[in-house]
Amino acid sequence: MAGVLAVTGMLAACGTATQAQPSPTGAGVLTMQNAKPPTPGGEVGSASSEFADASELSVWSKLSDTEKDVDRIAKLDVNKTAKGALYLEPRTSAWFDGFRGPFVYQELAGDIVMHARIKVEGKKGGKPRRKFSLGGLMARVPNSYAQPTWLSVTTGTADQPGQLEVKYTENGSSKPQEITVKSGWVEVVLARVGRVAAALYKEDGGAWKVGRRWPAQLPEVLQWGLTAYTDWDSFNTLKKDAAKANAKLIKGTPDLKMTVDFVRFLRPELPDYADPLNTASVSDEVLIKLLTPAGA
């Protein structure tokens, strides 16, 4: 298991997003000119993976190993099934409310930008055919089985094919939101900076967009990593009983494969006067600059 990386700085208190203009005595306006992209390298940057060699998989932990759970991963490798990429194929599973799915991660502390390029397909190509077959990024509170708390940005088939889902689950209650996207490669960012968590995405050949901002009061150390899950319909009568569903492998018709080109970790920089939950203080345009690598 990768070690926890040290970091300075603590999170501010939880807040609520507002469209109000910044107060002269409170938050100030962060301009594009003064906003800086996240910085690569350093101890957090050393956790990044380009997936050029199979040995890179060794720094990633499987949740099913570290927290003693059912292994819901059918296939996981690096630079084997897909050259120069991580490949993950899940069994029938779900990340929703108290339901659990596959997760491979590294533990990192403090404000983080996690940036990846992913492609989610059905097992035979094309769009996944089973509902809620999604793959992407997740940040999770460690040892939170009793009160599941995590956030994610995933793509694939939600209730309809060709969707990106942004979701914050707090104490076992999930609040997802779907966004229509093109199939194929997509770049995604999941980040925590100050008192906000955010999900961003960019379709292949497109521009960065903000999927969601959440007020987030989270512990200093989180599990940052990759998830993929599939085939919600096969849970049948267990859809209202997460405890029973989590206790065993569900036989179903999984239909998802995820290819990950890279995962890169960076440090965001936010001036003290800026409030990332206040869109009048930090606009979407500025937030994108803060949370996406220069030139990405």
Protein backbone atom coordinates (compact mmCIF):
# COMPACT_ATOMS: atom_id res chain seq x y z
CA MET A 1 0.00 0.00 0.00
CA ALA A 2 1.31 3.39 -0.93
CA GLY A 3 2.29 5.54 2.00
CA VAL A 4 0.45 8.65 3.01
CA LEU A 5 2.11 11.71 1.59
CA ALA A 6 2.70 14.59 3.97
CA VAL A 7 1.20 17.99 3.30
CA THR A 8 0.75 21.28 5.04
CA GLY A 9 -2.49 23.15 5.41
CA MET A 10 -5.89 22.21 6.75
CA LEU A 11 -9.36 22.38 5.25
CA ALA A 12 -11.62 25.31 5.94
CA ALA A 13 -15.13 24.83 7.28
CA CYS A 14 -17.92 23.57 5.04
CA GLY A 15 -19.92 26.21 3.18
CA THR A 16 -22.69 26.62 0.66
CA ALA A 17 -22.30 27.80 -2.94
CA THR A 18 -23.89 31.15 -3.71
CA GLN A 19 -24.24 33.50 -6.65
CA ALA A 20 -23.95 36.59 -4.41
CA GLN A 21 -21.29 39.15 -5.15
CA PRO A 22 -18.22 38.88 -2.94
CA SER A 23 -18.24 41.03 0.15
CA PRO A 24 -15.61 43.78 0.44
CA THR A 25 -14.72 42.32 3.85
CA GLY A 26 -14.98 38.69 2.79
CA ALA A 27 -14.12 36.81 -0.37
CA GLY A 28 -12.49 38.68 -3.21
CA VAL A 29 -12.65 38.12 -6.94
CA LEU A 30 -9.95 35.84 -8.34
CA THR A 31 -9.22 36.90 -11.92
CA MET A 32 -7.91 34.79 -14.77
CA GLN A 33 -4.72 36.83 -14.68
CA ASN A 34 -4.07 35.97 -11.03
CA ALA A 35 -5.20 32.33 -11.17
CA LYS A 36 -2.44 29.74 -11.46
CA PRO A 37 -2.68 26.19 -12.83
CA PRO A 38 -1.92 23.34 -10.42
CA THR A 39 1.73 22.49 -9.96
CA PRO A 40 3.10 19.10 -11.08
CA GLY A 41 5.94 17.21 -9.46
CA GLY A 42 6.94 17.03 -5.84
CA GLU A 43 5.78 14.29 -3.48
CA VAL A 44 2.24 14.26 -4.86
CA GLY A 45 3.50 14.20 -8.43
CA SER A 46 5.53 11.10 -7.62
CA ALA A 47 2.23 9.23 -7.19
CA SER A 48 1.36 9.82 -10.85
CA SER A 49 1.26 6.90 -13.29
CA GLU A 50 1.77 6.88 -17.05
CA PHE A 51 1.14 3.10 -17.12
CA ALA A 52 4.09 2.34 -19.39
CA ASP A 53 5.27 -0.62 -17.32
CA ALA A 54 3.48 -3.39 -15.43
CA SER A 55 5.46 -2.58 -12.28
CA GLU A 56 3.51 0.67 -11.87
CA LEU A 57 0.50 -1.31 -10.65
CA SER A 58 2.35 -2.14 -7.43
CA VAL A 59 1.84 1.35 -5.95
CA TRP A 60 -1.95 1.07 -6.30
CA SER A 61 -3.92 -0.63 -3.51
CA LYS A 62 -7.13 -2.61 -4.01
CA LEU A 63 -9.88 -1.69 -1.58
CA SER A 64 -10.96 -5.33 -1.42
CA ASP A 65 -7.50 -6.17 -0.02
CA THR A 66 -6.94 -3.28 2.37
CA GLU A 67 -10.41 -3.19 3.90
CA LYS A 68 -11.21 -6.90 3.54
CA ASP A 69 -14.03 -6.92 1.04
CA VAL A 70 -15.30 -9.08 -1.81
CA ASP A 71 -13.05 -8.73 -4.87
CA ARG A 72 -15.29 -7.29 -7.59
CA ILE A 73 -12.53 -6.92 -10.19
CA ALA A 74 -12.54 -9.48 -13.01
CA LYS A 75 -9.36 -8.19 -14.68
CA LEU A 76 -6.77 -5.57 -13.80
CA ASP A 77 -3.40 -5.07 -15.45
CA VAL A 78 -0.99 -2.44 -16.75
CA ASN A 79 0.66 -2.41 -20.18
CA LYS A 80 -0.69 -5.85 -20.98
CA THR A 81 -4.30 -5.93 -22.22
CA ALA A 82 -3.90 -2.33 -23.44
CA LYS A 83 -0.41 -1.14 -24.35
CA GLY A 84 0.77 1.82 -22.28
CA ALA A 85 -2.44 1.86 -20.23
CA LEU A 86 -4.18 0.46 -17.18
CA TYR A 87 -7.04 -1.91 -17.98
CA LEU A 88 -9.85 -2.60 -15.52
CA GLU A 89 -12.82 -4.90 -16.04
CA PRO A 90 -15.34 -5.07 -13.17
CA ARG A 91 -17.73 -7.80 -12.15
CA THR A 92 -21.38 -6.94 -11.47
CA SER A 93 -21.14 -4.19 -8.86
CA ALA A 94 -22.23 -0.67 -7.91
CA TRP A 95 -21.08 2.45 -6.11
CA PHE A 96 -24.35 3.94 -4.88
CA ASP A 97 -25.51 4.76 -1.34
CA GLY A 98 -24.11 1.82 0.67
CA PHE A 99 -23.34 -0.42 -2.32
CA ARG A 100 -19.67 -1.04 -3.06
CA GLY A 101 -17.73 -1.69 -6.23
CA PRO A 102 -14.10 -1.99 -7.38
CA PHE A 103 -11.62 0.66 -6.31
CA VAL A 104 -7.84 0.91 -6.72
CA TYR A 105 -6.21 3.89 -5.06
CA GLN A 106 -3.37 5.68 -3.35
CA GLU A 107 -3.71 7.53 -0.04
CA LEU A 108 -2.82 11.20 -0.38
CA ALA A 109 -3.20 14.16 1.94
CA GLY A 110 -4.29 17.76 1.49
CA ASP A 111 -5.51 19.64 -1.54
CA ILE A 112 -5.25 17.45 -4.64
CA VAL A 113 -5.97 17.57 -8.37
CA MET A 114 -6.35 14.10 -9.90
CA HIS A 115 -6.28 14.25 -13.73
CA ALA A 116 -6.82 11.24 -15.99
CA ARG A 117 -7.62 10.28 -19.58
CA ILE A 118 -10.02 7.36 -19.78
CA LYS A 119 -12.13 5.37 -22.20
CA VAL A 120 -15.13 3.32 -21.09
CA GLU A 121 -16.70 0.75 -23.42
CA GLY A 122 -18.88 -2.33 -23.38
CA LYS A 123 -16.92 -5.61 -23.23
CA LYS A 124 -17.39 -6.07 -26.98
CA GLY A 125 -16.84 -2.40 -27.78
CA GLY A 126 -19.25 0.47 -28.22
CA LYS A 127 -21.34 1.83 -25.36
CA PRO A 128 -21.96 -0.39 -22.32
CA ARG A 129 -25.35 -2.05 -22.68
CA ARG A 130 -26.15 -2.56 -19.01
CA LYS A 131 -27.51 0.33 -16.94
CA PHE A 132 -25.14 2.11 -14.58
CA SER A 133 -21.99 0.78 -16.17
CA LEU A 134 -19.55 3.59 -15.40
CA GLY A 135 -15.84 4.12 -14.89
CA GLY A 136 -13.60 6.98 -13.81
CA LEU A 137 -12.18 8.68 -10.73
CA MET A 138 -13.10 8.50 -7.06
CA ALA A 139 -11.91 10.09 -3.82
CA ARG A 140 -13.04 8.20 -0.72
CA VAL A 141 -12.86 8.60 3.05
CA PRO A 142 -10.82 5.63 4.33
CA ASN A 143 -12.54 2.96 6.43
CA SER A 144 -15.99 4.41 5.73
CA TYR A 145 -17.95 1.21 5.20
CA ALA A 146 -20.29 2.10 8.08
CA GLN A 147 -20.93 5.63 6.78
CA PRO A 148 -19.91 5.59 3.10
CA THR A 149 -18.48 8.95 2.05
CA TRP A 150 -16.88 9.52 -1.35
CA LEU A 151 -17.14 11.56 -4.53
CA SER A 152 -16.64 10.53 -8.13
CA VAL A 153 -16.68 11.52 -11.78
CA THR A 154 -17.38 8.61 -14.13
CA THR A 155 -18.48 8.06 -17.71
CA GLY A 156 -20.25 5.34 -19.68
CA THR A 157 -23.89 4.28 -19.40
CA ALA A 158 -25.91 5.62 -16.48
CA ASP A 159 -29.69 5.49 -16.94
CA GLN A 160 -28.90 6.15 -20.63
CA PRO A 161 -25.80 5.50 -22.77
CA GLY A 162 -23.33 8.31 -23.42
CA GLN A 163 -23.37 9.99 -20.02
CA LEU A 164 -20.94 11.42 -17.51
CA GLU A 165 -21.98 11.14 -13.88
CA VAL A 166 -20.80 13.40 -11.07
CA LYS A 167 -21.72 12.09 -7.64
CA TYR A 168 -21.16 12.95 -3.99
CA THR A 169 -22.07 10.33 -1.43
CA GLU A 170 -22.13 11.50 2.18
CA ASN A 171 -22.86 9.12 5.05
CA GLY A 172 -24.39 6.57 2.68
CA SER A 173 -26.61 8.97 0.71
CA SER A 174 -25.68 9.42 -2.96
CA LYS A 175 -26.65 12.48 -4.98
CA PRO A 176 -25.75 11.82 -8.64
CA GLN A 177 -26.11 14.12 -11.61
CA GLU A 178 -25.85 13.00 -15.25
CA ILE A 179 -24.41 15.00 -18.15
CA THR A 180 -24.58 13.94 -21.81
CA VAL A 181 -21.14 13.38 -23.37
CA LYS A 182 -19.71 11.84 -26.51
CA SER A 183 -18.37 8.30 -26.36
CA GLY A 184 -14.65 7.61 -26.64
CA TRP A 185 -11.76 9.13 -24.76
CA VAL A 186 -12.53 11.77 -22.15
CA GLU A 187 -10.28 13.66 -19.75
CA VAL A 188 -11.56 14.03 -16.21
CA VAL A 189 -10.44 15.87 -13.11
CA LEU A 190 -11.48 15.24 -9.53
CA ALA A 191 -10.15 17.77 -7.06
CA ARG A 192 -10.30 19.07 -3.52
CA VAL A 193 -9.13 22.61 -2.84
CA GLY A 194 -9.96 24.52 0.31
CA ARG A 195 -13.59 23.93 1.23
CA VAL A 196 -14.71 22.80 -2.21
CA ALA A 197 -14.53 19.55 -4.14
CA ALA A 198 -15.04 19.66 -7.90
CA ALA A 199 -15.41 17.45 -10.95
CA LEU A 200 -14.34 18.66 -14.40
CA TYR A 201 -14.35 16.96 -17.79
CA LYS A 202 -13.23 17.46 -21.39
CA GLU A 203 -14.53 15.46 -24.33
CA ASP A 204 -11.95 14.44 -26.90
CA GLY A 205 -11.19 17.53 -28.98
CA GLY A 206 -13.39 19.73 -26.77
CA ALA A 207 -12.90 22.28 -23.99
CA TRP A 208 -12.84 21.81 -20.24
CA LYS A 209 -16.18 22.17 -18.44
CA VAL A 210 -17.14 22.16 -14.78
CA GLY A 211 -19.35 19.18 -14.00
CA ARG A 212 -20.04 20.03 -10.38
CA ARG A 213 -18.80 21.84 -7.28
CA TRP A 214 -19.61 20.48 -3.85
CA PRO A 215 -19.12 22.01 -0.41
CA ALA A 216 -17.00 19.33 1.21
CA GLN A 217 -15.80 18.91 4.76
CA LEU A 218 -13.49 15.93 4.38
CA PRO A 219 -10.58 14.51 6.38
CA GLU A 220 -7.04 15.45 5.47
CA VAL A 221 -6.21 12.04 4.04
CA LEU A 222 -8.36 10.50 1.30
CA GLN A 223 -8.08 7.49 -0.98
CA TRP A 224 -7.65 8.83 -4.53
CA GLY A 225 -8.05 6.41 -7.40
CA LEU A 226 -9.94 4.56 -10.10
CA THR A 227 -13.27 2.80 -10.09
CA ALA A 228 -15.46 0.95 -12.58
CA TYR A 229 -18.75 -0.83 -11.96
CA THR A 230 -21.55 -2.33 -14.05
CA ASP A 231 -24.91 -4.07 -14.38
CA TRP A 232 -27.13 -2.53 -11.70
CA ASP A 233 -30.20 -4.39 -13.00
CA SER A 234 -28.72 -7.74 -11.94
CA PHE A 235 -29.01 -6.75 -8.27
CA ASN A 236 -32.76 -7.44 -8.62
CA THR A 237 -34.36 -7.78 -5.16
CA LEU A 238 -31.15 -6.68 -3.44
CA LYS A 239 -31.39 -3.11 -4.74
CA LYS A 240 -32.75 -2.02 -1.34
CA ASP A 241 -30.40 -4.13 0.77
CA ALA A 242 -26.80 -2.99 0.42
CA ALA A 243 -25.58 -5.13 3.31
CA LYS A 244 -26.71 -8.38 1.70
CA ALA A 245 -25.53 -7.27 -1.74
CA ASN A 246 -22.06 -6.37 -0.44
CA ALA A 247 -21.66 -9.72 1.28
CA LYS A 248 -21.34 -11.73 -1.92
CA LEU A 249 -20.57 -11.58 -5.61
CA ILE A 250 -23.70 -10.94 -7.63
CA LYS A 251 -24.12 -13.16 -10.67
CA GLY A 252 -25.11 -11.00 -13.59
CA THR A 253 -24.19 -9.73 -17.03
CA PRO A 254 -21.30 -7.27 -16.54
CA ASP A 255 -20.59 -5.17 -19.61
CA LEU A 256 -17.76 -2.69 -19.08
CA LYS A 257 -14.09 -2.35 -19.78
CA MET A 258 -12.09 0.75 -18.87
CA THR A 259 -8.78 1.84 -20.34
CA VAL A 260 -6.79 4.53 -18.51
CA ASP A 261 -4.04 6.34 -20.42
CA PHE A 262 -2.60 8.10 -17.35
CA VAL A 263 -3.40 9.36 -13.86
CA ARG A 264 -1.54 12.49 -12.72
CA PHE A 265 -1.62 14.13 -9.31
CA LEU A 266 -1.01 17.85 -8.86
CA ARG A 267 -1.23 20.55 -6.18
CA PRO A 268 -3.77 23.34 -6.69
CA GLU A 269 -2.97 26.87 -5.56
CA LEU A 270 -5.79 29.03 -4.18
CA PRO A 271 -5.27 32.56 -2.78
CA ASP A 272 -6.63 33.07 0.73
CA TYR A 273 -9.07 35.77 -0.41
CA ALA A 274 -10.82 33.54 -2.96
CA ASP A 275 -13.89 31.44 -2.11
CA PRO A 276 -14.18 28.49 -4.53
CA LEU A 277 -17.79 27.86 -3.47
CA ASN A 278 -18.79 31.36 -4.52
CA THR A 279 -19.02 31.60 -8.31
CA ALA A 280 -18.79 35.37 -8.08
CA SER A 281 -15.41 34.97 -6.36
CA VAL A 282 -14.14 32.06 -8.47
CA SER A 283 -15.94 31.73 -11.80
CA ASP A 284 -16.13 28.45 -13.72
CA GLU A 285 -13.53 29.80 -16.13
CA VAL A 286 -11.14 30.56 -13.27
CA LEU A 287 -11.86 27.26 -11.52
CA ILE A 288 -10.93 25.41 -14.71
CA LYS A 289 -7.60 27.24 -14.80
CA LEU A 290 -6.99 26.42 -11.12
CA LEU A 291 -7.74 22.71 -11.51
CA THR A 292 -6.44 21.70 -14.94
CA PRO A 293 -2.77 21.39 -15.94
CA ALA A 294 -1.30 24.17 -18.03
CA GLY A 295 -1.72 23.25 -21.69
CA ALA A 296 -4.13 20.37 -21.02
